[in-house]
PDB file of all heavy atoms in Angstrom:
ATOM      1  N   PRO A   1      11.503 -20.701 -21.367  1.00  0.00           N
ATOM      2  CA  PRO A   1      11.667 -19.553 -20.401  1.00  0.00           C
ATOM      3  C   PRO A   1      10.370 -18.647 -20.459  1.00  0.00           C
ATOM      4  O   PRO A   1       9.725 -18.512 -21.385  1.00  0.00           O
ATOM      5  CB  PRO A   1      12.826 -18.790 -20.999  1.00  0.00           C
ATOM      6  CG  PRO A   1      12.883 -19.125 -22.417  1.00  0.00           C
ATOM      7  CD  PRO A   1      12.408 -20.523 -22.539  1.00  0.00           C
ATOM      8  N   ARG A   2      10.080 -18.083 -19.255  1.00  0.00           N
ATOM      9  CA  ARG A   2       8.976 -17.188 -19.188  1.00  0.00           C
ATOM     10  C   ARG A   2       9.406 -15.875 -19.573  1.00  0.00           C
ATOM     11  O   ARG A   2      10.304 -15.190 -19.001  1.00  0.00           O
ATOM     12  CB  ARG A   2       8.479 -17.155 -17.714  1.00  0.00           C
ATOM     13  CG  ARG A   2       7.210 -16.202 -17.487  1.00  0.00           C
ATOM     14  CD  ARG A   2       6.729 -16.230 -16.099  1.00  0.00           C
ATOM     15  NE  ARG A   2       6.073 -17.451 -15.807  1.00  0.00           N
ATOM     16  CZ  ARG A   2       5.560 -17.801 -14.645  1.00  0.00           C
ATOM     17  NH1 ARG A   2       5.631 -16.912 -13.565  1.00  0.00           N
ATOM     18  NH2 ARG A   2       4.900 -18.946 -14.443  1.00  0.00           N
ATOM     19  N   GLN A   3       8.805 -15.265 -20.591  1.00  0.00           N
ATOM     20  CA  GLN A   3       9.137 -13.911 -21.134  1.00  0.00           C
ATOM     21  C   GLN A   3       8.416 -12.910 -20.314  1.00  0.00           C
ATOM     22  O   GLN A   3       7.188 -12.869 -20.151  1.00  0.00           O
ATOM     23  CB  GLN A   3       8.839 -13.885 -22.609  1.00  0.00           C
ATOM     24  CG  GLN A   3       9.647 -14.766 -23.458  1.00  0.00           C
ATOM     25  CD  GLN A   3       9.396 -14.541 -24.857  1.00  0.00           C
ATOM     26  OE1 GLN A   3       8.311 -14.105 -25.342  1.00  0.00           O
ATOM     27  NE2 GLN A   3      10.321 -14.978 -25.772  1.00  0.00           N
ATOM     28  N   GLU A   4       9.147 -11.929 -19.752  1.00  0.00           N
ATOM     29  CA  GLU A   4       8.603 -10.908 -18.879  1.00  0.00           C
ATOM     30  C   GLU A   4       9.303  -9.540 -19.120  1.00  0.00           C
ATOM     31  O   GLU A   4      10.456  -9.476 -19.493  1.00  0.00           O
ATOM     32  CB  GLU A   4       8.779 -11.312 -17.386  1.00  0.00           C
ATOM     33  CG  GLU A   4       8.151 -12.721 -17.001  1.00  0.00           C
ATOM     34  CD  GLU A   4       8.595 -13.087 -15.692  1.00  0.00           C
ATOM     35  OE1 GLU A   4       9.821 -13.043 -15.368  1.00  0.00           O
ATOM     36  OE2 GLU A   4       7.783 -13.533 -14.814  1.00  0.00           O
ATOM     37  N   THR A   5       8.573  -8.510 -18.807  1.00  0.00           N
ATOM     38  CA  THR A   5       9.122  -7.156 -18.736  1.00  0.00           C
ATOM     39  C   THR A   5       9.042  -6.776 -17.178  1.00  0.00           C
ATOM     40  O   THR A   5       8.027  -6.875 -16.589  1.00  0.00           O
ATOM     41  CB  THR A   5       8.291  -6.156 -19.518  1.00  0.00           C
ATOM     42  OG1 THR A   5       8.336  -6.523 -20.901  1.00  0.00           O
ATOM     43  CG2 THR A   5       8.899  -4.746 -19.373  1.00  0.00           C
ATOM     44  N   VAL A   6      10.296  -6.446 -16.731  1.00  0.00           N
ATOM     45  CA  VAL A   6      10.404  -6.237 -15.274  1.00  0.00           C
ATOM     46  C   VAL A   6      10.782  -4.719 -15.027  1.00  0.00           C
ATOM     47  O   VAL A   6      11.793  -4.250 -15.688  1.00  0.00           O
ATOM     48  CB  VAL A   6      11.479  -7.105 -14.707  1.00  0.00           C
ATOM     49  CG1 VAL A   6      11.615  -6.853 -13.147  1.00  0.00           C
ATOM     50  CG2 VAL A   6      11.221  -8.552 -14.960  1.00  0.00           C
ATOM     51  N   ARG A   7       9.945  -4.019 -14.352  1.00  0.00           N
ATOM     52  CA  ARG A   7      10.236  -2.618 -14.036  1.00  0.00           C
ATOM     53  C   ARG A   7      10.846  -2.518 -12.676  1.00  0.00           C
ATOM     54  O   ARG A   7      10.268  -2.951 -11.653  1.00  0.00           O
ATOM     55  CB  ARG A   7       8.995  -1.816 -14.124  1.00  0.00           C
ATOM     56  CG  ARG A   7       9.149  -0.301 -13.812  1.00  0.00           C
ATOM     57  CD  ARG A   7       7.886   0.452 -14.084  1.00  0.00           C
ATOM     58  NE  ARG A   7       7.448   0.266 -15.447  1.00  0.00           N
ATOM     59  CZ  ARG A   7       6.286   0.720 -15.931  1.00  0.00           C
ATOM     60  NH1 ARG A   7       5.431   1.392 -15.154  1.00  0.00           N
ATOM     61  NH2 ARG A   7       5.952   0.540 -17.256  1.00  0.00           N
ATOM     62  N   LEU A   8      12.017  -1.861 -12.628  1.00  0.00           N
ATOM     63  CA  LEU A   8      12.772  -1.687 -11.365  1.00  0.00           C
ATOM     64  C   LEU A   8      12.781  -0.153 -11.083  1.00  0.00           C
ATOM     65  O   LEU A   8      13.525   0.563 -11.789  1.00  0.00           O
ATOM     66  CB  LEU A   8      14.141  -2.251 -11.432  1.00  0.00           C
ATOM     67  CG  LEU A   8      14.280  -3.737 -11.747  1.00  0.00           C
ATOM     68  CD1 LEU A   8      15.733  -4.104 -11.860  1.00  0.00           C
ATOM     69  CD2 LEU A   8      13.653  -4.545 -10.621  1.00  0.00           C
ATOM     70  N   ASP A   9      12.078   0.252 -10.044  1.00  0.00           N
ATOM     71  CA  ASP A   9      12.017   1.660  -9.665  1.00  0.00           C
ATOM     72  C   ASP A   9      12.961   1.816  -8.513  1.00  0.00           C
ATOM     73  O   ASP A   9      12.687   1.494  -7.309  1.00  0.00           O
ATOM     74  CB  ASP A   9      10.655   2.049  -9.313  1.00  0.00           C
ATOM     75  CG  ASP A   9      10.523   3.637  -9.068  1.00  0.00           C
ATOM     76  OD1 ASP A   9      11.578   4.283  -8.878  1.00  0.00           O
ATOM     77  OD2 ASP A   9       9.409   4.093  -8.978  1.00  0.00           O
ATOM     78  N   LEU A  10      14.116   2.305  -8.786  1.00  0.00           N
ATOM     79  CA  LEU A  10      15.237   2.382  -7.710  1.00  0.00           C
ATOM     80  C   LEU A  10      14.947   3.483  -6.731  1.00  0.00           C
ATOM     81  O   LEU A  10      15.630   3.695  -5.747  1.00  0.00           O
ATOM     82  CB  LEU A  10      16.625   2.558  -8.368  1.00  0.00           C
ATOM     83  CG  LEU A  10      17.008   1.497  -9.347  1.00  0.00           C
ATOM     84  CD1 LEU A  10      18.398   1.719  -9.801  1.00  0.00           C
ATOM     85  CD2 LEU A  10      16.720   0.096  -8.849  1.00  0.00           C
ATOM     86  N   GLY A  11      13.959   4.366  -7.052  1.00  0.00           N
ATOM     87  CA  GLY A  11      13.624   5.415  -6.163  1.00  0.00           C
ATOM     88  C   GLY A  11      12.715   5.110  -5.020  1.00  0.00           C
ATOM     89  O   GLY A  11      12.457   5.868  -4.079  1.00  0.00           O
ATOM     90  N   VAL A  12      12.117   3.827  -4.995  1.00  0.00           N
ATOM     91  CA  VAL A  12      11.306   3.404  -3.861  1.00  0.00           C
ATOM     92  C   VAL A  12      12.134   3.135  -2.709  1.00  0.00           C
ATOM     93  O   VAL A  12      13.092   2.405  -2.731  1.00  0.00           O
ATOM     94  CB  VAL A  12      10.563   2.135  -4.290  1.00  0.00           C
ATOM     95  CG1 VAL A  12       9.714   1.566  -3.138  1.00  0.00           C
ATOM     96  CG2 VAL A  12       9.674   2.385  -5.489  1.00  0.00           C
ATOM     97  N   PRO A  13      11.838   3.824  -1.511  1.00  0.00           N
ATOM     98  CA  PRO A  13      12.697   3.693  -0.312  1.00  0.00           C
ATOM     99  C   PRO A  13      12.795   2.228   0.149  1.00  0.00           C
ATOM    100  O   PRO A  13      11.923   1.433   0.039  1.00  0.00           O
ATOM    101  CB  PRO A  13      11.990   4.584   0.649  1.00  0.00           C
ATOM    102  CG  PRO A  13      11.164   5.413  -0.082  1.00  0.00           C
ATOM    103  CD  PRO A  13      10.696   4.667  -1.306  1.00  0.00           C
ATOM    104  N   SER A  14      13.960   1.964   0.736  1.00  0.00           N
ATOM    105  CA  SER A  14      14.172   0.711   1.394  1.00  0.00           C
ATOM    106  C   SER A  14      13.567   0.706   2.768  1.00  0.00           C
ATOM    107  O   SER A  14      13.440   1.747   3.399  1.00  0.00           O
ATOM    108  CB  SER A  14      15.732   0.393   1.526  1.00  0.00           C
ATOM    109  OG  SER A  14      15.972  -0.698   2.378  1.00  0.00           O
ATOM    110  N   ARG A  15      13.255  -0.494   3.298  1.00  0.00           N
ATOM    111  CA  ARG A  15      12.699  -0.618   4.647  1.00  0.00           C
ATOM    112  C   ARG A  15      13.673  -0.612   5.756  1.00  0.00           C
ATOM    113  O   ARG A  15      13.384  -0.622   6.895  1.00  0.00           O
ATOM    114  CB  ARG A  15      11.871  -1.888   4.747  1.00  0.00           C
ATOM    115  CG  ARG A  15      10.658  -1.879   3.805  1.00  0.00           C
ATOM    116  CD  ARG A  15       9.698  -3.022   4.326  1.00  0.00           C
ATOM    117  NE  ARG A  15      10.343  -4.342   4.356  1.00  0.00           N
ATOM    118  CZ  ARG A  15      10.392  -5.262   3.361  1.00  0.00           C
ATOM    119  NH1 ARG A  15       9.853  -4.920   2.163  1.00  0.00           N
ATOM    120  NH2 ARG A  15      10.919  -6.322   3.508  1.00  0.00           N
ATOM    121  N   GLY A  16      14.996  -0.608   5.397  1.00  0.00           N
ATOM    122  CA  GLY A  16      16.040  -0.627   6.390  1.00  0.00           C
ATOM    123  C   GLY A  16      17.364  -1.027   5.827  1.00  0.00           C
ATOM    124  O   GLY A  16      17.538  -1.167   4.582  1.00  0.00           O
ATOM    125  N   ASP A  17      18.335  -1.121   6.681  1.00  0.00           N
ATOM    126  CA  ASP A  17      19.722  -1.424   6.258  1.00  0.00           C
ATOM    127  C   ASP A  17      20.085  -2.894   6.185  1.00  0.00           C
ATOM    128  O   ASP A  17      21.187  -3.320   5.908  1.00  0.00           O
ATOM    129  CB  ASP A  17      20.780  -0.716   7.120  1.00  0.00           C
ATOM    130  CG  ASP A  17      20.747   0.831   7.018  1.00  0.00           C
ATOM    131  OD1 ASP A  17      20.266   1.255   5.925  1.00  0.00           O
ATOM    132  OD2 ASP A  17      21.001   1.499   7.945  1.00  0.00           O
ATOM    133  N   GLU A  18      19.129  -3.761   6.618  1.00  0.00           N
ATOM    134  CA  GLU A  18      19.324  -5.137   6.528  1.00  0.00           C
ATOM    135  C   GLU A  18      18.811  -5.707   5.187  1.00  0.00           C
ATOM    136  O   GLU A  18      17.881  -5.200   4.577  1.00  0.00           O
ATOM    137  CB  GLU A  18      18.549  -5.929   7.644  1.00  0.00           C
ATOM    138  CG  GLU A  18      19.052  -5.582   9.050  1.00  0.00           C
ATOM    139  CD  GLU A  18      20.457  -6.022   9.339  1.00  0.00           C
ATOM    140  OE1 GLU A  18      20.851  -7.115   8.880  1.00  0.00           O
ATOM    141  OE2 GLU A  18      21.229  -5.272  10.014  1.00  0.00           O
ATOM    142  N   LEU A  19      19.572  -6.744   4.638  1.00  0.00           N
ATOM    143  CA  LEU A  19      19.204  -7.272   3.415  1.00  0.00           C
ATOM    144  C   LEU A  19      17.778  -7.853   3.422  1.00  0.00           C
ATOM    145  O   LEU A  19      17.434  -8.653   4.288  1.00  0.00           O
ATOM    146  CB  LEU A  19      20.182  -8.378   2.971  1.00  0.00           C
ATOM    147  CG  LEU A  19      19.944  -9.069   1.686  1.00  0.00           C
ATOM    148  CD1 LEU A  19      20.111  -8.148   0.491  1.00  0.00           C
ATOM    149  CD2 LEU A  19      20.900 -10.292   1.526  1.00  0.00           C
ATOM    150  N   HIS A  20      16.956  -7.415   2.488  1.00  0.00           N
ATOM    151  CA  HIS A  20      15.561  -7.938   2.427  1.00  0.00           C
ATOM    152  C   HIS A  20      15.031  -7.899   1.054  1.00  0.00           C
ATOM    153  O   HIS A  20      15.492  -7.171   0.169  1.00  0.00           O
ATOM    154  CB  HIS A  20      14.706  -7.152   3.363  1.00  0.00           C
ATOM    155  CG  HIS A  20      14.551  -5.683   3.018  1.00  0.00           C
ATOM    156  ND1 HIS A  20      15.524  -4.741   3.361  1.00  0.00           N
ATOM    157  CD2 HIS A  20      13.666  -4.943   2.231  1.00  0.00           C
ATOM    158  CE1 HIS A  20      15.226  -3.558   2.844  1.00  0.00           C
ATOM    159  NE2 HIS A  20      14.086  -3.725   2.213  1.00  0.00           N
ATOM    160  N   ARG A  21      14.112  -8.806   0.789  1.00  0.00           N
ATOM    161  CA  ARG A  21      13.354  -8.754  -0.464  1.00  0.00           C
ATOM    162  C   ARG A  21      12.591  -7.422  -0.598  1.00  0.00           C
ATOM    163  O   ARG A  21      11.971  -6.984   0.317  1.00  0.00           O
ATOM    164  CB  ARG A  21      12.388  -9.939  -0.586  1.00  0.00           C
ATOM    165  CG  ARG A  21      11.896 -10.224  -1.913  1.00  0.00           C
ATOM    166  CD  ARG A  21      10.975 -11.364  -1.986  1.00  0.00           C
ATOM    167  NE  ARG A  21      11.680 -12.660  -1.536  1.00  0.00           N
ATOM    168  CZ  ARG A  21      12.358 -13.373  -2.403  1.00  0.00           C
ATOM    169  NH1 ARG A  21      12.568 -13.022  -3.650  1.00  0.00           N
ATOM    170  NH2 ARG A  21      12.911 -14.502  -1.982  1.00  0.00           N
ATOM    171  N   HIS A  22      12.680  -6.849  -1.766  1.00  0.00           N
ATOM    172  CA  HIS A  22      12.176  -5.449  -1.909  1.00  0.00           C
ATOM    173  C   HIS A  22      11.227  -5.411  -3.077  1.00  0.00           C
ATOM    174  O   HIS A  22      11.405  -4.670  -4.062  1.00  0.00           O
ATOM    175  CB  HIS A  22      13.371  -4.538  -2.173  1.00  0.00           C
ATOM    176  CG  HIS A  22      13.009  -3.027  -1.972  1.00  0.00           C
ATOM    177  ND1 HIS A  22      12.463  -2.579  -0.816  1.00  0.00           N
ATOM    178  CD2 HIS A  22      13.181  -1.987  -2.801  1.00  0.00           C
ATOM    179  CE1 HIS A  22      12.357  -1.183  -0.937  1.00  0.00           C
ATOM    180  NE2 HIS A  22      12.745  -0.849  -2.061  1.00  0.00           N
ATOM    181  N   ASN A  23      10.125  -6.157  -2.942  1.00  0.00           N
ATOM    182  CA  ASN A  23       9.195  -6.219  -4.046  1.00  0.00           C
ATOM    183  C   ASN A  23       8.540  -4.978  -4.511  1.00  0.00           C
ATOM    184  O   ASN A  23       8.172  -4.866  -5.708  1.00  0.00           O
ATOM    185  CB  ASN A  23       8.111  -7.265  -3.660  1.00  0.00           C
ATOM    186  CG  ASN A  23       8.551  -8.665  -3.759  1.00  0.00           C
ATOM    187  OD1 ASN A  23       9.486  -8.978  -4.587  1.00  0.00           O
ATOM    188  ND2 ASN A  23       8.015  -9.514  -2.947  1.00  0.00           N
ATOM    189  N   PRO A  24       8.355  -3.915  -3.651  1.00  0.00           N
ATOM    190  CA  PRO A  24       7.722  -2.720  -4.157  1.00  0.00           C
ATOM    191  C   PRO A  24       8.418  -2.060  -5.339  1.00  0.00           C
ATOM    192  O   PRO A  24       7.864  -1.348  -6.167  1.00  0.00           O
ATOM    193  CB  PRO A  24       7.793  -1.778  -2.908  1.00  0.00           C
ATOM    194  CG  PRO A  24       7.759  -2.728  -1.755  1.00  0.00           C
ATOM    195  CD  PRO A  24       8.584  -3.899  -2.227  1.00  0.00           C
ATOM    196  N   MET A  25       9.757  -2.319  -5.488  1.00  0.00           N
ATOM    197  CA  MET A  25      10.504  -1.694  -6.596  1.00  0.00           C
ATOM    198  C   MET A  25      10.348  -2.571  -7.836  1.00  0.00           C
ATOM    199  O   MET A  25      10.956  -2.237  -8.854  1.00  0.00           O
ATOM    200  CB  MET A  25      12.017  -1.598  -6.200  1.00  0.00           C
ATOM    201  CG  MET A  25      12.733  -2.993  -6.060  1.00  0.00           C
ATOM    202  SD  MET A  25      14.357  -2.687  -5.339  1.00  0.00           S
ATOM    203  CE  MET A  25      15.280  -2.283  -6.835  1.00  0.00           C
ATOM    204  N   GLN A  26       9.550  -3.609  -7.821  1.00  0.00           N
ATOM    205  CA  GLN A  26       9.474  -4.532  -8.928  1.00  0.00           C
ATOM    206  C   GLN A  26       8.062  -4.686  -9.476  1.00  0.00           C
ATOM    207  O   GLN A  26       7.129  -4.820  -8.673  1.00  0.00           O
ATOM    208  CB  GLN A  26      10.019  -5.937  -8.560  1.00  0.00           C
ATOM    209  CG  GLN A  26       9.886  -6.939  -9.700  1.00  0.00           C
ATOM    210  CD  GLN A  26      10.401  -8.336  -9.200  1.00  0.00           C
ATOM    211  OE1 GLN A  26      11.233  -8.397  -8.394  1.00  0.00           O
ATOM    212  NE2 GLN A  26       9.779  -9.348  -9.646  1.00  0.00           N
ATOM    213  N   SER A  27       7.934  -4.581 -10.793  1.00  0.00           N
ATOM    214  CA  SER A  27       6.683  -4.883 -11.376  1.00  0.00           C
ATOM    215  C   SER A  27       6.875  -5.765 -12.605  1.00  0.00           C
ATOM    216  O   SER A  27       7.662  -5.382 -13.452  1.00  0.00           O
ATOM    217  CB  SER A  27       5.967  -3.581 -11.813  1.00  0.00           C
ATOM    218  OG  SER A  27       4.732  -3.737 -12.496  1.00  0.00           O
ATOM    219  N   ARG A  28       6.241  -6.856 -12.622  1.00  0.00           N
ATOM    220  CA  ARG A  28       6.400  -7.784 -13.768  1.00  0.00           C
ATOM    221  C   ARG A  28       5.156  -7.808 -14.712  1.00  0.00           C
ATOM    222  O   ARG A  28       4.033  -7.801 -14.144  1.00  0.00           O
ATOM    223  CB  ARG A  28       6.689  -9.225 -13.193  1.00  0.00           C
ATOM    224  CG  ARG A  28       7.974  -9.383 -12.564  1.00  0.00           C
ATOM    225  CD  ARG A  28       8.240 -10.890 -12.163  1.00  0.00           C
ATOM    226  NE  ARG A  28       9.427 -11.040 -11.520  1.00  0.00           N
ATOM    227  CZ  ARG A  28      10.594 -11.301 -12.120  1.00  0.00           C
ATOM    228  NH1 ARG A  28      10.676 -11.420 -13.405  1.00  0.00           N
ATOM    229  NH2 ARG A  28      11.704 -11.442 -11.462  1.00  0.00           N
ATOM    230  N   GLN A  29       5.403  -7.917 -15.919  1.00  0.00           N
ATOM    231  CA  GLN A  29       4.357  -8.151 -16.886  1.00  0.00           C
ATOM    232  C   GLN A  29       4.777  -9.233 -17.815  1.00  0.00           C
ATOM    233  O   GLN A  29       5.964  -9.302 -18.332  1.00  0.00           O
ATOM    234  CB  GLN A  29       4.021  -6.813 -17.670  1.00  0.00           C
ATOM    235  CG  GLN A  29       3.470  -5.715 -16.849  1.00  0.00           C
ATOM    236  CD  GLN A  29       3.168  -4.415 -17.655  1.00  0.00           C
ATOM    237  OE1 GLN A  29       3.506  -4.412 -18.803  1.00  0.00           O
ATOM    238  NE2 GLN A  29       2.547  -3.496 -17.066  1.00  0.00           N
ATOM    239  N   ARG A  30       3.832 -10.116 -18.210  1.00  0.00           N
ATOM    240  CA  ARG A  30       4.155 -11.123 -19.218  1.00  0.00           C
ATOM    241  C   ARG A  30       4.474 -10.579 -20.557  1.00  0.00           C
ATOM    242  O   ARG A  30       3.795  -9.548 -21.009  1.00  0.00           O
ATOM    243  CB  ARG A  30       2.954 -12.075 -19.232  1.00  0.00           C
ATOM    244  CG  ARG A  30       2.787 -13.037 -18.060  1.00  0.00           C
ATOM    245  CD  ARG A  30       3.967 -13.975 -17.978  1.00  0.00           C
ATOM    246  NE  ARG A  30       3.659 -14.962 -16.922  1.00  0.00           N
ATOM    247  CZ  ARG A  30       3.160 -16.204 -17.119  1.00  0.00           C
ATOM    248  NH1 ARG A  30       2.914 -16.556 -18.401  1.00  0.00           N
ATOM    249  NH2 ARG A  30       2.976 -17.050 -16.126  1.00  0.00           N
ATOM    250  N   GLY A  31       5.446 -11.113 -21.194  1.00  0.00           N
ATOM    251  CA  GLY A  31       5.875 -10.705 -22.536  1.00  0.00           C
ATOM    252  C   GLY A  31       6.898  -9.655 -22.551  1.00  0.00           C
ATOM    253  O   GLY A  31       7.249  -9.006 -21.491  1.00  0.00           O
ATOM    254  N   LEU A  32       7.627  -9.488 -23.691  1.00  0.00           N
ATOM    255  CA  LEU A  32       8.704  -8.583 -23.855  1.00  0.00           C
ATOM    256  C   LEU A  32       8.198  -7.307 -24.605  1.00  0.00           C
ATOM    257  O   LEU A  32       7.911  -7.373 -25.923  1.00  0.00           O
ATOM    258  CB  LEU A  32       9.832  -9.192 -24.646  1.00  0.00           C
ATOM    259  CG  LEU A  32      10.404 -10.448 -23.965  1.00  0.00           C
ATOM    260  CD1 LEU A  32      11.400 -11.130 -24.934  1.00  0.00           C
ATOM    261  CD2 LEU A  32      11.167 -10.058 -22.700  1.00  0.00           C
ATOM    262  N   LYS A  33       8.037  -6.253 -23.947  1.00  0.00           N
ATOM    263  CA  LYS A  33       7.459  -5.002 -24.580  1.00  0.00           C
ATOM    264  C   LYS A  33       8.480  -4.378 -25.394  1.00  0.00           C
ATOM    265  O   LYS A  33       9.645  -4.241 -25.019  1.00  0.00           O
ATOM    266  CB  LYS A  33       6.927  -4.124 -23.486  1.00  0.00           C
ATOM    267  CG  LYS A  33       5.708  -4.516 -22.714  1.00  0.00           C
ATOM    268  CD  LYS A  33       5.091  -3.457 -21.877  1.00  0.00           C
ATOM    269  CE  LYS A  33       6.153  -2.793 -20.965  1.00  0.00           C
ATOM    270  NZ  LYS A  33       5.557  -1.751 -20.120  1.00  0.00           N
ATOM    271  N   ALA A  34       8.085  -3.838 -26.597  1.00  0.00           N
ATOM    272  CA  ALA A  34       9.013  -3.156 -27.421  1.00  0.00           C
ATOM    273  C   ALA A  34       8.966  -1.700 -27.174  1.00  0.00           C
ATOM    274  O   ALA A  34       9.993  -0.972 -27.382  1.00  0.00           O
ATOM    275  CB  ALA A  34       8.701  -3.438 -28.846  1.00  0.00           C
ATOM    276  N   ALA A  35       7.874  -1.100 -26.618  1.00  0.00           N
ATOM    277  CA  ALA A  35       7.780   0.319 -26.401  1.00  0.00           C
ATOM    278  C   ALA A  35       8.606   0.757 -25.256  1.00  0.00           C
ATOM    279  O   ALA A  35       8.699   0.086 -24.239  1.00  0.00           O
ATOM    280  CB  ALA A  35       6.310   0.683 -26.154  1.00  0.00           C
TER     281      ALA A  35
END
């Protein structure tokens, strides 16, 4: 498995009411951060 830390910022506005990929709310970094 690829180990990643994924940041989900739920405050980033959606582009609309239709289901869509919402990458601006996601930031991935390799590895599992402990901090």
